Amino acid sequence: MRTALVVGVGLLGACVPNEHPPWLVDHPMPWGIIASVVEPGGYSSDLVVPDDRVRASALPLDTLELQWITAAPPGVTVPSPIWFVCPDYCDGLPVDEPIPACPFPLPLSRSEHCRLGEGERVRLGLGGAYTADELFRGYIGVMGITGDGTVDPETCLQRFRTVPRAGLEHCLVQARALRLGPLGRMLSAVPALADFYTVEGGLPDDIADEPADFHPVLTGLRVLHIGRGFREFIAQPGDTITVRVGDYVSVDPQYTADSEQTHYAFSQVPGQPGHLRPVPDEERIRVRFGISTFVEDRGDPNDDLLHGWSVPDEPDPIMLYLYIGDNRQGRAFATLRFVVEDASPAP
């Protein structure tokens, strides 16, 4: 099942006016955080990872790479963000006290924020299972802050840490809770989690056979193009497509058959805090669309799904952005570039 990602996964972002369609990228916007396991640790040694798959959920002792994703109009460059790790969900940063650098590896439980580094991509090494205390609930909170190109990241950081906050309209902020997993393995490996949670009926007998959580794998972007004729074809991320004013276009991402993985979901037992029930489940993939110029959308103007649109008279290239997420930790990002061959010259 594939649905619109109505609220961007992990997206905090700068404020935009209510009349601004959620898919219109006419200024730099934080578009998501992708976390990938780049160096497996000892707890992952028996996980089978095909060469063409990348793990999206980490286990203790793994090293993650965090990637900041920005959607911006053509020609606009956003500086690399400053990254932080939070002791819980990232809903703010300390106002007065200094923020120390993050240790490497990072203990699973922490009592203070730490500064991870700067860059479009940074690495986060995780500590072992016994670095988790009784308050650990299986996730790591991360946050990135930068400017939109008119303000530098350090200035935005200062503004974000000042109370009351002001001047953030040119700042980009996004956060994400990285849930470690698969959860069945975490319950087996991390004593603090095993002590807090009770699994109804115990862990399933085949839990050790549960595959790793991978990112969705795009096989292409199916483009429906109606203009001087009817065309339906598969484009690849980054392709340039020539269109004409008034043409109708819609884009539907295509995935490998195993991108929607089967797995065990652990649901909370009603009225019993800390009690979980394992249920076989299948991932659901969601998509957030963005486009760099205003278009006539044929669908609901208040959701993030660009159902189909009429090509405007736009002399500049039109960028289409997709941020893809499943209901676990898998994420993907793709773009298409449209050139309007009969557009009026720019004034």
C-alpha atoms as a PDB file:
ATOM      1  CA  MET A   1       0.000   0.000   0.000  1.00  0.00           C
ATOM      2  CA  ARG A   2       1.416   3.404  -0.958  1.00  0.00           C
ATOM      3  CA  THR A   3       0.027   6.677   0.348  1.00  0.00           C
ATOM      4  CA  ALA A   4       0.882  10.342   0.494  1.00  0.00           C
ATOM      5  CA  LEU A   5       3.298  11.452   3.166  1.00  0.00           C
ATOM      6  CA  VAL A   6       1.045  14.209   4.453  1.00  0.00           C
ATOM      7  CA  VAL A   7       3.518  15.457   7.058  1.00  0.00           C
ATOM      8  CA  GLY A   8       7.085  15.103   5.846  1.00  0.00           C
ATOM      9  CA  VAL A   9       8.871  12.318   7.710  1.00  0.00           C
ATOM     10  CA  GLY A  10      11.158  13.898  10.291  1.00  0.00           C
ATOM     11  CA  LEU A  11      10.325  17.371   9.015  1.00  0.00           C
ATOM     12  CA  LEU A  12      10.224  20.407  11.294  1.00  0.00           C
ATOM     13  CA  GLY A  13      11.160  23.079   8.806  1.00  0.00           C
ATOM     14  CA  ALA A  14      10.608  26.801   8.601  1.00  0.00           C
ATOM     15  CA  CYS A  15       7.108  28.240   8.719  1.00  0.00           C
ATOM     16  CA  VAL A  16       5.252  28.915   5.473  1.00  0.00           C
ATOM     17  CA  PRO A  17       1.986  30.806   4.911  1.00  0.00           C
ATOM     18  CA  ASN A  18      -1.247  28.831   5.047  1.00  0.00           C
ATOM     19  CA  GLU A  19      -2.023  29.639   1.415  1.00  0.00           C
ATOM     20  CA  HIS A  20       1.301  28.147   0.357  1.00  0.00           C
ATOM     21  CA  PRO A  21       0.692  24.669  -1.146  1.00  0.00           C
ATOM     22  CA  PRO A  22       2.709  22.076   0.790  1.00  0.00           C
ATOM     23  CA  TRP A  23       4.287  20.790  -2.432  1.00  0.00           C
ATOM     24  CA  LEU A  24       5.556  24.184  -3.689  1.00  0.00           C
ATOM     25  CA  VAL A  25       9.343  24.469  -3.313  1.00  0.00           C
ATOM     26  CA  ASP A  26       9.890  28.137  -4.161  1.00  0.00           C
ATOM     27  CA  HIS A  27      12.460  28.551  -1.367  1.00  0.00           C
ATOM     28  CA  PRO A  28      14.857  26.098   0.329  1.00  0.00           C
ATOM     29  CA  MET A  29      13.012  23.565   2.463  1.00  0.00           C
ATOM     30  CA  PRO A  30      14.287  20.781   4.745  1.00  0.00           C
ATOM     31  CA  TRP A  31      13.166  17.622   2.996  1.00  0.00           C
ATOM     32  CA  GLY A  32      14.218  14.751   5.230  1.00  0.00           C
ATOM     33  CA  ILE A  33      17.013  12.837   6.926  1.00  0.00           C
ATOM     34  CA  ILE A  34      18.227   9.497   5.576  1.00  0.00           C
ATOM     35  CA  ALA A  35      20.084   7.205   7.983  1.00  0.00           C
ATOM     36  CA  SER A  36      22.046   4.255   6.584  1.00  0.00           C
ATOM     37  CA  VAL A  37      24.203   1.614   8.252  1.00  0.00           C
ATOM     38  CA  VAL A  38      27.683   1.933   6.723  1.00  0.00           C
ATOM     39  CA  GLU A  39      29.717  -0.155   9.189  1.00  0.00           C
ATOM     40  CA  PRO A  40      28.006  -3.111  10.893  1.00  0.00           C
ATOM     41  CA  GLY A  41      28.945  -4.043  14.449  1.00  0.00           C
ATOM     42  CA  GLY A  42      29.035  -7.357  16.247  1.00  0.00           C
ATOM     43  CA  TYR A  43      25.295  -7.510  16.903  1.00  0.00           C
ATOM     44  CA  SER A  44      24.722  -7.418  13.119  1.00  0.00           C
ATOM     45  CA  SER A  45      27.203 -10.147  12.219  1.00  0.00           C
ATOM     46  CA  ASP A  46      24.562 -12.736  11.325  1.00  0.00           C
ATOM     47  CA  LEU A  47      22.345 -10.390   9.296  1.00  0.00           C
ATOM     48  CA  VAL A  48      22.316 -11.201   5.593  1.00  0.00           C
ATOM     49  CA  VAL A  49      22.660  -8.016   3.524  1.00  0.00           C
ATOM     50  CA  PRO A  50      22.540  -8.404  -0.287  1.00  0.00           C
ATOM     51  CA  ASP A  51      25.006  -6.275  -2.249  1.00  0.00           C
ATOM     52  CA  ASP A  52      22.226  -4.088  -3.664  1.00  0.00           C
ATOM     53  CA  ARG A  53      20.541  -3.361  -0.328  1.00  0.00           C
ATOM     54  CA  VAL A  54      21.355  -0.843   2.420  1.00  0.00           C
ATOM     55  CA  ARG A  55      20.259  -1.311   6.011  1.00  0.00           C
ATOM     56  CA  ALA A  56      17.999   1.421   7.378  1.00  0.00           C
ATOM     57  CA  SER A  57      17.720   0.303  11.024  1.00  0.00           C
ATOM     58  CA  ALA A  58      20.840   0.055  13.167  1.00  0.00           C
ATOM     59  CA  LEU A  59      21.779  -2.218  16.057  1.00  0.00           C
ATOM     60  CA  PRO A  60      24.220  -1.440  18.884  1.00  0.00           C
ATOM     61  CA  LEU A  61      27.856  -1.059  17.731  1.00  0.00           C
ATOM     62  CA  ASP A  62      26.765  -0.192  14.168  1.00  0.00           C
ATOM     63  CA  THR A  63      27.938   3.019  12.503  1.00  0.00           C
ATOM     64  CA  LEU A  64      25.285   5.116  10.771  1.00  0.00           C
ATOM     65  CA  GLU A  65      25.673   7.744   8.084  1.00  0.00           C
ATOM     66  CA  LEU A  66      23.166  10.583   8.359  1.00  0.00           C
ATOM     67  CA  GLN A  67      22.318  12.450   5.153  1.00  0.00           C
ATOM     68  CA  TRP A  68      20.580  15.831   5.141  1.00  0.00           C
ATOM     69  CA  ILE A  69      18.133  16.312   2.263  1.00  0.00           C
ATOM     70  CA  THR A  70      17.112  19.781   1.062  1.00  0.00           C
ATOM     71  CA  ALA A  71      14.627  20.667  -1.658  1.00  0.00           C
ATOM     72  CA  ALA A  72      15.423  24.035  -3.234  1.00  0.00           C
ATOM     73  CA  PRO A  73      14.679  25.971  -6.428  1.00  0.00           C
ATOM     74  CA  PRO A  74      17.192  25.485  -9.271  1.00  0.00           C
ATOM     75  CA  GLY A  75      20.455  27.324  -8.674  1.00  0.00           C
ATOM     76  CA  VAL A  76      19.956  27.769  -4.922  1.00  0.00           C
ATOM     77  CA  THR A  77      22.650  26.256  -2.692  1.00  0.00           C
ATOM     78  CA  VAL A  78      22.129  25.558   0.992  1.00  0.00           C
ATOM     79  CA  PRO A  79      25.150  25.333   3.335  1.00  0.00           C
ATOM     80  CA  SER A  80      25.859  22.069   5.133  1.00  0.00           C
ATOM     81  CA  PRO A  81      24.020  21.677   8.442  1.00  0.00           C
ATOM     82  CA  ILE A  82      25.269  21.381  12.008  1.00  0.00           C
ATOM     83  CA  TRP A  83      24.183  18.092  13.610  1.00  0.00           C
ATOM     84  CA  PHE A  84      23.211  17.283  17.195  1.00  0.00           C
ATOM     85  CA  VAL A  85      22.204  14.208  19.155  1.00  0.00           C
ATOM     86  CA  CYS A  86      19.566  14.650  21.855  1.00  0.00           C
ATOM     87  CA  PRO A  87      19.002  12.678  25.085  1.00  0.00           C
ATOM     88  CA  ASP A  88      15.393  12.095  24.010  1.00  0.00           C
ATOM     89  CA  TYR A  89      13.291  13.381  21.106  1.00  0.00           C
ATOM     90  CA  CYS A  90      14.825  16.530  19.619  1.00  0.00           C
ATOM     91  CA  ASP A  91      12.432  19.374  20.373  1.00  0.00           C
ATOM     92  CA  GLY A  92      15.045  21.971  21.286  1.00  0.00           C
ATOM     93  CA  LEU A  93      18.615  22.636  22.392  1.00  0.00           C
ATOM     94  CA  PRO A  94      20.085  24.008  25.639  1.00  0.00           C
ATOM     95  CA  VAL A  95      19.909  27.787  25.854  1.00  0.00           C
ATOM     96  CA  ASP A  96      22.834  28.695  28.101  1.00  0.00           C
ATOM     97  CA  GLU A  97      25.187  25.786  28.722  1.00  0.00           C
ATOM     98  CA  PRO A  98      27.787  24.773  26.106  1.00  0.00           C
ATOM     99  CA  ILE A  99      27.076  21.708  23.987  1.00  0.00           C
ATOM    100  CA  PRO A 100      29.963  19.203  24.039  1.00  0.00           C
ATOM    101  CA  ALA A 101      31.129  17.157  21.071  1.00  0.00           C
ATOM    102  CA  CYS A 102      29.553  13.712  20.767  1.00  0.00           C
ATOM    103  CA  PRO A 103      31.722  10.788  21.850  1.00  0.00           C
ATOM    104  CA  PHE A 104      32.494   8.052  19.354  1.00  0.00           C
ATOM    105  CA  PRO A 105      30.998   5.575  19.867  1.00  0.00           C
ATOM    106  CA  LEU A 106      27.926   7.206  21.355  1.00  0.00           C
ATOM    107  CA  PRO A 107      26.355   5.556  24.429  1.00  0.00           C
ATOM    108  CA  LEU A 108      22.768   4.508  23.740  1.00  0.00           C
ATOM    109  CA  SER A 109      21.659   6.469  26.815  1.00  0.00           C
ATOM    110  CA  ARG A 110      22.789  10.042  27.362  1.00  0.00           C
ATOM    111  CA  SER A 111      21.855  12.786  29.809  1.00  0.00           C
ATOM    112  CA  GLU A 112      22.843  15.758  27.642  1.00  0.00           C
ATOM    113  CA  HIS A 113      22.815  17.027  24.077  1.00  0.00           C
ATOM    114  CA  CYS A 114      25.996  16.731  22.052  1.00  0.00           C
ATOM    115  CA  ARG A 115      27.273  18.208  18.811  1.00  0.00           C
ATOM    116  CA  LEU A 116      27.876  15.530  16.189  1.00  0.00           C
ATOM    117  CA  GLY A 117      29.574  17.602  13.487  1.00  0.00           C
ATOM    118  CA  GLU A 118      28.969  19.545  10.289  1.00  0.00           C
ATOM    119  CA  GLY A 119      28.331  18.351   6.755  1.00  0.00           C
ATOM    120  CA  GLU A 120      25.675  17.112   4.369  1.00  0.00           C
ATOM    121  CA  ARG A 121      26.680  13.641   5.585  1.00  0.00           C
ATOM    122  CA  VAL A 122      28.007  12.788   9.043  1.00  0.00           C
ATOM    123  CA  ARG A 123      28.669   9.513  10.840  1.00  0.00           C
ATOM    124  CA  LEU A 124      27.244   8.338  14.129  1.00  0.00           C
ATOM    125  CA  GLY A 125      28.819   5.346  15.860  1.00  0.00           C
ATOM    126  CA  LEU A 126      26.641   3.554  18.410  1.00  0.00           C
ATOM    127  CA  GLY A 127      27.789   2.082  21.698  1.00  0.00           C
ATOM    128  CA  GLY A 128      27.102  -1.433  22.877  1.00  0.00           C
ATOM    129  CA  ALA A 129      23.940  -2.873  24.388  1.00  0.00           C
ATOM    130  CA  TYR A 130      25.119  -2.287  27.952  1.00  0.00           C
ATOM    131  CA  THR A 131      25.426   1.486  27.408  1.00  0.00           C
ATOM    132  CA  ALA A 132      21.607   1.666  27.579  1.00  0.00           C
ATOM    133  CA  ASP A 133      20.062   2.511  30.950  1.00  0.00           C
ATOM    134  CA  GLU A 134      16.559   1.852  32.290  1.00  0.00           C
ATOM    135  CA  LEU A 135      15.174   4.939  30.489  1.00  0.00           C
ATOM    136  CA  PHE A 136      16.287   3.825  27.019  1.00  0.00           C
ATOM    137  CA  ARG A 137      13.332   3.118  24.723  1.00  0.00           C
ATOM    138  CA  GLY A 138      15.083   2.022  21.550  1.00  0.00           C
ATOM    139  CA  TYR A 139      15.650   5.242  19.610  1.00  0.00           C
ATOM    140  CA  ILE A 140      18.255   7.982  19.114  1.00  0.00           C
ATOM    141  CA  GLY A 141      17.101  11.584  18.524  1.00  0.00           C
ATOM    142  CA  VAL A 142      19.075  13.615  15.967  1.00  0.00           C
ATOM    143  CA  MET A 143      18.677  17.183  14.693  1.00  0.00           C
ATOM    144  CA  GLY A 144      20.223  19.310  11.954  1.00  0.00           C
ATOM    145  CA  ILE A 145      20.272  23.110  11.613  1.00  0.00           C
ATOM    146  CA  THR A 146      21.407  25.274   8.698  1.00  0.00           C
ATOM    147  CA  GLY A 147      20.562  28.477   6.842  1.00  0.00           C
ATOM    148  CA  ASP A 148      18.852  28.984   3.503  1.00  0.00           C
ATOM    149  CA  GLY A 149      21.940  30.487   1.840  1.00  0.00           C
ATOM    150  CA  THR A 150      21.290  34.038   3.028  1.00  0.00           C
ATOM    151  CA  VAL A 151      22.125  33.139   6.646  1.00  0.00           C
ATOM    152  CA  ASP A 152      24.958  30.866   7.794  1.00  0.00           C
ATOM    153  CA  PRO A 153      24.349  27.782   9.985  1.00  0.00           C
ATOM    154  CA  GLU A 154      26.048  29.170  13.110  1.00  0.00           C
ATOM    155  CA  THR A 155      23.805  32.257  13.034  1.00  0.00           C
ATOM    156  CA  CYS A 156      20.739  30.029  12.753  1.00  0.00           C
ATOM    157  CA  LEU A 157      22.023  27.925  15.637  1.00  0.00           C
ATOM    158  CA  GLN A 158      22.375  31.023  17.816  1.00  0.00           C
ATOM    159  CA  ARG A 159      18.863  32.168  16.905  1.00  0.00           C
ATOM    160  CA  PHE A 160      17.431  28.711  17.604  1.00  0.00           C
ATOM    161  CA  ARG A 161      19.030  28.671  21.067  1.00  0.00           C
ATOM    162  CA  THR A 162      17.816  32.167  21.969  1.00  0.00           C
ATOM    163  CA  VAL A 163      14.573  32.618  23.935  1.00  0.00           C
ATOM    164  CA  PRO A 164      12.288  33.919  22.615  1.00  0.00           C
ATOM    165  CA  ARG A 165      13.234  32.594  19.201  1.00  0.00           C
ATOM    166  CA  ALA A 166      13.260  35.115  16.374  1.00  0.00           C
ATOM    167  CA  GLY A 167      14.629  35.437  12.853  1.00  0.00           C
ATOM    168  CA  LEU A 168      14.225  31.757  11.973  1.00  0.00           C
ATOM    169  CA  GLU A 169      12.423  32.411   8.682  1.00  0.00           C
ATOM    170  CA  HIS A 170      15.741  31.956   6.846  1.00  0.00           C
ATOM    171  CA  CYS A 171      16.768  28.904   8.874  1.00  0.00           C
ATOM    172  CA  LEU A 172      16.170  25.225   8.159  1.00  0.00           C
ATOM    173  CA  VAL A 173      15.677  22.855  11.084  1.00  0.00           C
ATOM    174  CA  GLN A 174      14.714  19.202  10.982  1.00  0.00           C
ATOM    175  CA  ALA A 175      14.854  16.326  13.433  1.00  0.00           C
ATOM    176  CA  ARG A 176      14.275  12.608  13.410  1.00  0.00           C
ATOM    177  CA  ALA A 177      14.001   9.827  15.974  1.00  0.00           C
ATOM    178  CA  LEU A 178      16.120   6.938  14.691  1.00  0.00           C
ATOM    179  CA  ARG A 179      14.496   3.759  15.950  1.00  0.00           C
ATOM    180  CA  LEU A 180      17.005   0.956  16.279  1.00  0.00           C
ATOM    181  CA  GLY A 181      16.076  -2.498  15.137  1.00  0.00           C
ATOM    182  CA  PRO A 182      14.590  -4.772  14.141  1.00  0.00           C
ATOM    183  CA  LEU A 183      12.888  -4.479  17.534  1.00  0.00           C
ATOM    184  CA  GLY A 184      12.882  -8.241  18.098  1.00  0.00           C
ATOM    185  CA  ARG A 185      16.672  -8.261  17.964  1.00  0.00           C
ATOM    186  CA  MET A 186      16.862  -5.209  20.220  1.00  0.00           C
ATOM    187  CA  LEU A 187      14.698  -6.959  22.830  1.00  0.00           C
ATOM    188  CA  SER A 188      17.049  -9.926  22.701  1.00  0.00           C
ATOM    189  CA  ALA A 189      20.268  -7.898  22.787  1.00  0.00           C
ATOM    190  CA  VAL A 190      19.625  -4.912  25.079  1.00  0.00           C
ATOM    191  CA  PRO A 191      18.960  -5.858  28.720  1.00  0.00           C
ATOM    192  CA  ALA A 192      17.402  -2.466  29.533  1.00  0.00           C
ATOM    193  CA  LEU A 193      14.724  -2.973  26.873  1.00  0.00           C
ATOM    194  CA  ALA A 194      14.111  -6.585  27.862  1.00  0.00           C
ATOM    195  CA  ASP A 195      13.620  -5.469  31.469  1.00  0.00           C
ATOM    196  CA  PHE A 196      11.116  -2.755  30.551  1.00  0.00           C
ATOM    197  CA  TYR A 197       9.021  -4.521  27.906  1.00  0.00           C
ATOM    198  CA  THR A 198       7.047  -7.721  28.274  1.00  0.00           C
ATOM    199  CA  VAL A 199       6.223  -9.515  25.029  1.00  0.00           C
ATOM    200  CA  GLU A 200       2.867 -11.276  25.131  1.00  0.00           C
ATOM    201  CA  GLY A 201       3.532 -14.974  24.525  1.00  0.00           C
ATOM    202  CA  GLY A 202       7.265 -14.322  24.260  1.00  0.00           C
ATOM    203  CA  LEU A 203       9.244 -13.521  21.138  1.00  0.00           C
ATOM    204  CA  PRO A 204       8.137 -15.524  18.064  1.00  0.00           C
ATOM    205  CA  ASP A 205      10.169 -18.674  17.411  1.00  0.00           C
ATOM    206  CA  ASP A 206      11.243 -17.393  13.998  1.00  0.00           C
ATOM    207  CA  ILE A 207      12.249 -13.900  15.156  1.00  0.00           C
ATOM    208  CA  ALA A 208      15.921 -14.689  14.498  1.00  0.00           C
ATOM    209  CA  ASP A 209      15.043 -15.270  10.827  1.00  0.00           C
ATOM    210  CA  GLU A 210      13.523 -11.807  10.419  1.00  0.00           C
ATOM    211  CA  PRO A 211      15.512  -9.972   7.727  1.00  0.00           C
ATOM    212  CA  ALA A 212      17.225  -6.654   8.266  1.00  0.00           C
ATOM    213  CA  ASP A 213      15.267  -3.466   7.624  1.00  0.00           C
ATOM    214  CA  PHE A 214      16.382  -2.095   4.237  1.00  0.00           C
ATOM    215  CA  HIS A 215      15.750   1.178   2.442  1.00  0.00           C
ATOM    216  CA  PRO A 216      13.142   1.013  -0.361  1.00  0.00           C
ATOM    217  CA  VAL A 217      14.824   0.440  -3.717  1.00  0.00           C
ATOM    218  CA  LEU A 218      13.585   2.554  -6.623  1.00  0.00           C
ATOM    219  CA  THR A 219      13.527   0.823  -9.987  1.00  0.00           C
ATOM    220  CA  GLY A 220      12.417   4.007 -11.721  1.00  0.00           C
ATOM    221  CA  LEU A 221       9.771   6.706 -11.900  1.00  0.00           C
ATOM    222  CA  ARG A 222       6.760   5.977 -14.090  1.00  0.00           C
ATOM    223  CA  VAL A 223       5.886   9.151 -15.977  1.00  0.00           C
ATOM    224  CA  LEU A 224       2.508   9.712 -17.620  1.00  0.00           C
ATOM    225  CA  HIS A 225       2.845  12.509 -20.187  1.00  0.00           C
ATOM    226  CA  ILE A 226      -0.142  13.689 -22.230  1.00  0.00           C
ATOM    227  CA  GLY A 227       0.464  16.467 -24.741  1.00  0.00           C
ATOM    228  CA  ARG A 228       0.736  16.081 -28.490  1.00  0.00           C
ATOM    229  CA  GLY A 229       0.176  12.423 -27.809  1.00  0.00           C
ATOM    230  CA  PHE A 230       0.128   9.919 -24.985  1.00  0.00           C
ATOM    231  CA  ARG A 231       3.359   8.656 -23.455  1.00  0.00           C
ATOM    232  CA  GLU A 232       3.981   6.408 -20.494  1.00  0.00           C
ATOM    233  CA  PHE A 233       7.581   5.520 -19.721  1.00  0.00           C
ATOM    234  CA  ILE A 234      10.029   4.782 -16.923  1.00  0.00           C
ATOM    235  CA  ALA A 235      12.476   7.553 -16.083  1.00  0.00           C
ATOM    236  CA  GLN A 236      15.434   7.254 -13.737  1.00  0.00           C
ATOM    237  CA  PRO A 237      16.123   9.636 -10.830  1.00  0.00           C
ATOM    238  CA  GLY A 238      17.966  12.710 -12.084  1.00  0.00           C
ATOM    239  CA  ASP A 239      16.665  12.439 -15.663  1.00  0.00           C
ATOM    240  CA  THR A 240      15.657  15.495 -17.694  1.00  0.00           C
ATOM    241  CA  ILE A 241      12.291  15.340 -19.489  1.00  0.00           C
ATOM    242  CA  THR A 242      11.187  17.742 -22.231  1.00  0.00           C
ATOM    243  CA  VAL A 243       7.574  18.954 -22.059  1.00  0.00           C
ATOM    244  CA  ARG A 244       5.400  21.702 -23.549  1.00  0.00           C
ATOM    245  CA  VAL A 245       3.116  24.315 -21.994  1.00  0.00           C
ATOM    246  CA  GLY A 246      -0.257  22.809 -21.080  1.00  0.00           C
ATOM    247  CA  ASP A 247       0.916  19.197 -21.105  1.00  0.00           C
ATOM    248  CA  TYR A 248      -0.376  16.923 -18.349  1.00  0.00           C
ATOM    249  CA  VAL A 249       2.212  15.106 -16.225  1.00  0.00           C
ATOM    250  CA  SER A 250       2.026  12.653 -13.342  1.00  0.00           C
ATOM    251  CA  VAL A 251       4.823  10.676 -11.699  1.00  0.00           C
ATOM    252  CA  ASP A 252       4.573   7.425  -9.756  1.00  0.00           C
ATOM    253  CA  PRO A 253       7.669   5.883  -8.133  1.00  0.00           C
ATOM    254  CA  GLN A 254       8.298   2.189  -8.798  1.00  0.00           C
ATOM    255  CA  TYR A 255      10.035  -0.159  -6.370  1.00  0.00           C
ATOM    256  CA  THR A 256      11.510  -3.633  -6.250  1.00  0.00           C
ATOM    257  CA  ALA A 257       9.055  -6.327  -5.183  1.00  0.00           C
ATOM    258  CA  ASP A 258      10.801  -6.744  -1.828  1.00  0.00           C
ATOM    259  CA  SER A 259      10.830  -3.040  -0.925  1.00  0.00           C
ATOM    260  CA  GLU A 260       7.645  -3.489   1.116  1.00  0.00           C
ATOM    261  CA  GLN A 261       9.155  -5.960   3.552  1.00  0.00           C
ATOM    262  CA  THR A 262       7.307  -8.353   5.820  1.00  0.00           C
ATOM    263  CA  HIS A 263       8.321  -8.092   9.459  1.00  0.00           C
ATOM    264  CA  TYR A 264       7.062  -8.313  13.020  1.00  0.00           C
ATOM    265  CA  ALA A 265       5.363  -5.175  14.311  1.00  0.00           C
ATOM    266  CA  PHE A 266       5.089  -4.853  18.089  1.00  0.00           C
ATOM    267  CA  SER A 267       1.855  -3.176  19.143  1.00  0.00           C
ATOM    268  CA  GLN A 268       1.082  -1.880  22.612  1.00  0.00           C
ATOM    269  CA  VAL A 269      -1.378  -4.082  24.523  1.00  0.00           C
ATOM    270  CA  PRO A 270      -4.301  -1.786  25.512  1.00  0.00           C
ATOM    271  CA  GLY A 271      -4.305  -0.900  29.200  1.00  0.00           C
ATOM    272  CA  GLN A 272      -0.990  -2.619  29.877  1.00  0.00           C
ATOM    273  CA  PRO A 273       1.955  -0.202  29.664  1.00  0.00           C
ATOM    274  CA  GLY A 274       5.153  -1.880  28.598  1.00  0.00           C
ATOM    275  CA  HIS A 275       3.338  -4.944  27.239  1.00  0.00           C
ATOM    276  CA  LEU A 276       3.853  -5.637  23.535  1.00  0.00           C
ATOM    277  CA  ARG A 277       2.115  -7.991  21.132  1.00  0.00           C
ATOM    278  CA  PRO A 278       4.075  -9.227  18.065  1.00  0.00           C
ATOM    279  CA  VAL A 279       2.009  -9.140  14.870  1.00  0.00           C
ATOM    280  CA  PRO A 280       3.142 -10.111  11.338  1.00  0.00           C
ATOM    281  CA  ASP A 281       2.989  -6.996   9.190  1.00  0.00           C
ATOM    282  CA  GLU A 282       4.052  -5.554   5.845  1.00  0.00           C
ATOM    283  CA  GLU A 283       5.670  -2.182   5.316  1.00  0.00           C
ATOM    284  CA  ARG A 284       3.698   0.649   3.774  1.00  0.00           C
ATOM    285  CA  ILE A 285       5.522   3.148   1.577  1.00  0.00           C
ATOM    286  CA  ARG A 286       4.636   6.848   1.651  1.00  0.00           C
ATOM    287  CA  VAL A 287       5.736   9.592  -0.732  1.00  0.00           C
ATOM    288  CA  ARG A 288       6.123  13.328  -0.317  1.00  0.00           C
ATOM    289  CA  PHE A 289       6.205  15.369  -3.541  1.00  0.00           C
ATOM    290  CA  GLY A 290       7.548  18.850  -4.127  1.00  0.00           C
ATOM    291  CA  ILE A 291       7.916  20.974  -7.247  1.00  0.00           C
ATOM    292  CA  SER A 292       9.903  24.166  -7.789  1.00  0.00           C
ATOM    293  CA  THR A 293       7.212  26.259  -9.466  1.00  0.00           C
ATOM    294  CA  PHE A 294       3.489  26.759  -9.019  1.00  0.00           C
ATOM    295  CA  VAL A 295       1.424  24.341 -11.109  1.00  0.00           C
ATOM    296  CA  GLU A 296      -2.235  23.482 -11.488  1.00  0.00           C
ATOM    297  CA  ASP A 297      -2.613  20.390  -9.308  1.00  0.00           C
ATOM    298  CA  ARG A 298      -5.425  18.032 -10.302  1.00  0.00           C
ATOM    299  CA  GLY A 299      -5.798  16.614  -6.774  1.00  0.00           C
ATOM    300  CA  ASP A 300      -6.276  17.753  -3.179  1.00  0.00           C
ATOM    301  CA  PRO A 301      -4.340  21.042  -2.798  1.00  0.00           C
ATOM    302  CA  ASN A 302      -3.803  20.419   0.923  1.00  0.00           C
ATOM    303  CA  ASP A 303      -1.818  17.180   0.785  1.00  0.00           C
ATOM    304  CA  ASP A 304       1.751  16.404  -0.239  1.00  0.00           C
ATOM    305  CA  LEU A 305       0.780  14.145  -3.130  1.00  0.00           C
ATOM    306  CA  LEU A 306       1.101  15.915  -6.461  1.00  0.00           C
ATOM    307  CA  HIS A 307      -1.522  13.825  -8.231  1.00  0.00           C
ATOM    308  CA  GLY A 308      -0.945  15.244 -11.694  1.00  0.00           C
ATOM    309  CA  TRP A 309      -0.251  18.716 -12.980  1.00  0.00           C
ATOM    310  CA  SER A 310      -0.420  20.940 -16.015  1.00  0.00           C
ATOM    311  CA  VAL A 311       2.912  22.257 -17.292  1.00  0.00           C
ATOM    312  CA  PRO A 312       3.119  26.041 -16.754  1.00  0.00           C
ATOM    313  CA  ASP A 313       4.740  28.616 -19.025  1.00  0.00           C
ATOM    314  CA  GLU A 314       8.041  28.507 -17.131  1.00  0.00           C
ATOM    315  CA  PRO A 315      11.367  29.343 -18.823  1.00  0.00           C
ATOM    316  CA  ASP A 316      13.502  27.926 -15.998  1.00  0.00           C
ATOM    317  CA  PRO A 317      13.897  24.188 -15.451  1.00  0.00           C
ATOM    318  CA  ILE A 318      11.239  22.693 -13.186  1.00  0.00           C
ATOM    319  CA  MET A 319      12.514  20.413 -10.430  1.00  0.00           C
ATOM    320  CA  LEU A 320      10.340  17.637  -9.018  1.00  0.00           C
ATOM    321  CA  TYR A 321      11.371  16.262  -5.611  1.00  0.00           C
ATOM    322  CA  LEU A 322      10.313  12.987  -3.991  1.00  0.00           C
ATOM    323  CA  TYR A 323      11.013  11.929  -0.398  1.00  0.00           C
ATOM    324  CA  ILE A 324      10.031   8.329   0.161  1.00  0.00           C
ATOM    325  CA  GLY A 325       9.585   6.624   3.521  1.00  0.00           C
ATOM    326  CA  ASP A 326       8.200   3.356   4.801  1.00  0.00           C
ATOM    327  CA  ASN A 327       6.604   2.919   8.214  1.00  0.00           C
ATOM    328  CA  ARG A 328       9.855   1.637   9.677  1.00  0.00           C
ATOM    329  CA  GLN A 329      13.193   3.376   9.021  1.00  0.00           C
ATOM    330  CA  GLY A 330      13.547   3.009   5.240  1.00  0.00           C
ATOM    331  CA  ARG A 331      13.911   6.234   3.264  1.00  0.00           C
ATOM    332  CA  ALA A 332      14.828   7.282  -0.296  1.00  0.00           C
ATOM    333  CA  PHE A 333      15.132  10.518  -2.262  1.00  0.00           C
ATOM    334  CA  ALA A 334      14.798  11.232  -5.975  1.00  0.00           C
ATOM    335  CA  THR A 335      14.486  14.148  -8.387  1.00  0.00           C
ATOM    336  CA  LEU A 336      13.329  14.724 -11.956  1.00  0.00           C
ATOM    337  CA  ARG A 337      14.060  17.782 -14.077  1.00  0.00           C
ATOM    338  CA  PHE A 338      11.521  19.106 -16.592  1.00  0.00           C
ATOM    339  CA  VAL A 339      12.385  21.559 -19.374  1.00  0.00           C
ATOM    340  CA  VAL A 340       9.516  23.440 -21.064  1.00  0.00           C
ATOM    341  CA  GLU A 341      10.662  23.676 -24.682  1.00  0.00           C
ATOM    342  CA  ASP A 342       8.068  26.241 -25.826  1.00  0.00           C
ATOM    343  CA  ALA A 343       8.121  28.479 -22.732  1.00  0.00           C
ATOM    344  CA  SER A 344       8.112  32.235 -23.197  1.00  0.00           C
ATOM    345  CA  PRO A 345      11.557  33.826 -22.742  1.00  0.00           C
ATOM    346  CA  ALA A 346      12.378  35.060 -19.269  1.00  0.00           C
ATOM    347  CA  PRO A 347      11.757  38.818 -18.886  1.00  0.00           C
END
